[in-house]
Amino acid sequence: MFRVYSGPQGSRLGPLDKRRHLFKSFATLDEAIGWAHRVSRDGRSALLIEGDDGTQLDKRDLAKALRHRSGEHAARI
């Protein structure tokens, strides 16, 4: 299971803040990254993807993954 934590643009997610932020759960990392992309397109910020398997993608990692995903999508069109 993967959780995508999100918040308003410019917000941060500290270690004690997770319980105050919204998150949505997904079965796969690909679905979680897809949701993070949608959140970003809607003007919010994906702050963290955290998986039960120990996976953690912070804002910086997510930005790289979303740029990569956008590049792949543009190449398919």
Protein backbone atom coordinates (compact mmCIF):
# COMPACT_ATOMS: atom_id res chain seq x y z
CA MET A 1 0.00 0.00 0.00
CA PHE A 2 1.25 3.49 -0.89
CA ARG A 3 0.04 6.75 0.63
CA VAL A 4 0.27 10.10 -1.16
CA TYR A 5 0.28 13.03 1.26
CA SER A 6 -0.78 16.34 -0.24
CA GLY A 7 -1.38 19.93 0.75
CA PRO A 8 -1.54 23.48 -0.56
CA GLN A 9 1.28 24.75 -2.78
CA GLY A 10 4.30 25.69 -0.69
CA SER A 11 3.36 23.53 2.28
CA ARG A 12 5.81 21.22 4.01
CA LEU A 13 5.47 17.88 5.68
CA GLY A 14 7.51 17.49 8.84
CA PRO A 15 7.86 14.21 10.72
CA LEU A 16 5.07 15.11 13.14
CA ASP A 17 2.79 16.69 10.53
CA LYS A 18 1.68 13.56 8.66
CA ARG A 19 -1.43 13.06 10.75
CA ARG A 20 -2.62 16.61 9.90
CA HIS A 21 -2.24 16.24 6.13
CA LEU A 22 -4.59 14.57 3.71
CA PHE A 23 -3.48 11.37 2.06
CA LYS A 24 -4.90 8.91 -0.40
CA SER A 25 -3.93 5.24 -0.51
CA PHE A 26 -3.05 3.21 -3.60
CA ALA A 27 -2.14 -0.41 -4.27
CA THR A 28 0.80 0.37 -6.57
CA LEU A 29 3.55 2.96 -6.76
CA ASP A 30 2.55 3.78 -10.34
CA GLU A 31 -1.00 4.63 -9.22
CA ALA A 32 0.41 6.77 -6.39
CA ILE A 33 2.67 8.69 -8.79
CA GLY A 34 -0.29 9.16 -11.13
CA TRP A 35 -2.30 10.69 -8.30
CA ALA A 36 0.64 12.92 -7.33
CA HIS A 37 0.69 14.15 -10.93
CA ARG A 38 -3.02 14.92 -10.83
CA VAL A 39 -2.68 16.75 -7.50
CA SER A 40 0.11 18.89 -8.97
CA ARG A 41 -1.93 19.69 -12.09
CA ASP A 42 -4.80 20.82 -9.85
CA GLY A 43 -2.61 23.44 -8.14
CA ARG A 44 -1.88 21.52 -4.96
CA SER A 45 1.35 19.89 -3.89
CA ALA A 46 2.15 16.22 -3.46
CA LEU A 47 4.41 16.21 -0.40
CA LEU A 48 5.33 12.58 0.14
CA ILE A 49 4.69 9.10 -1.15
CA GLU A 50 5.17 6.53 1.56
CA GLY A 51 4.87 2.79 1.03
CA ASP A 52 4.37 -0.07 3.43
CA ASP A 53 7.48 -1.59 1.85
CA GLY A 54 9.63 1.32 3.11
CA THR A 55 9.47 3.38 -0.08
CA GLN A 56 9.63 7.12 0.54
CA LEU A 57 9.56 9.75 -2.17
CA ASP A 58 9.81 13.27 -0.78
CA LYS A 59 8.96 16.48 -2.64
CA ARG A 60 12.29 16.51 -4.49
CA ASP A 61 12.01 12.86 -5.54
CA LEU A 62 8.41 13.41 -6.61
CA ALA A 63 9.36 16.42 -8.73
CA LYS A 64 11.92 14.29 -10.59
CA ALA A 65 9.44 11.43 -11.06
CA LEU A 66 6.73 13.79 -12.31
CA ARG A 67 9.10 15.47 -14.78
CA HIS A 68 10.11 12.04 -16.04
CA ARG A 69 6.49 10.95 -16.31
CA SER A 70 5.53 14.13 -18.19
CA GLY A 71 8.39 13.56 -20.63
CA GLU A 72 7.24 10.00 -21.29
CA HIS A 73 3.67 11.17 -21.82
CA ALA A 74 4.77 13.87 -24.27
CA ALA A 75 6.83 11.32 -26.21
CA ARG A 76 3.75 9.12 -26.69
CA ILE A 77 1.63 11.91 -28.17
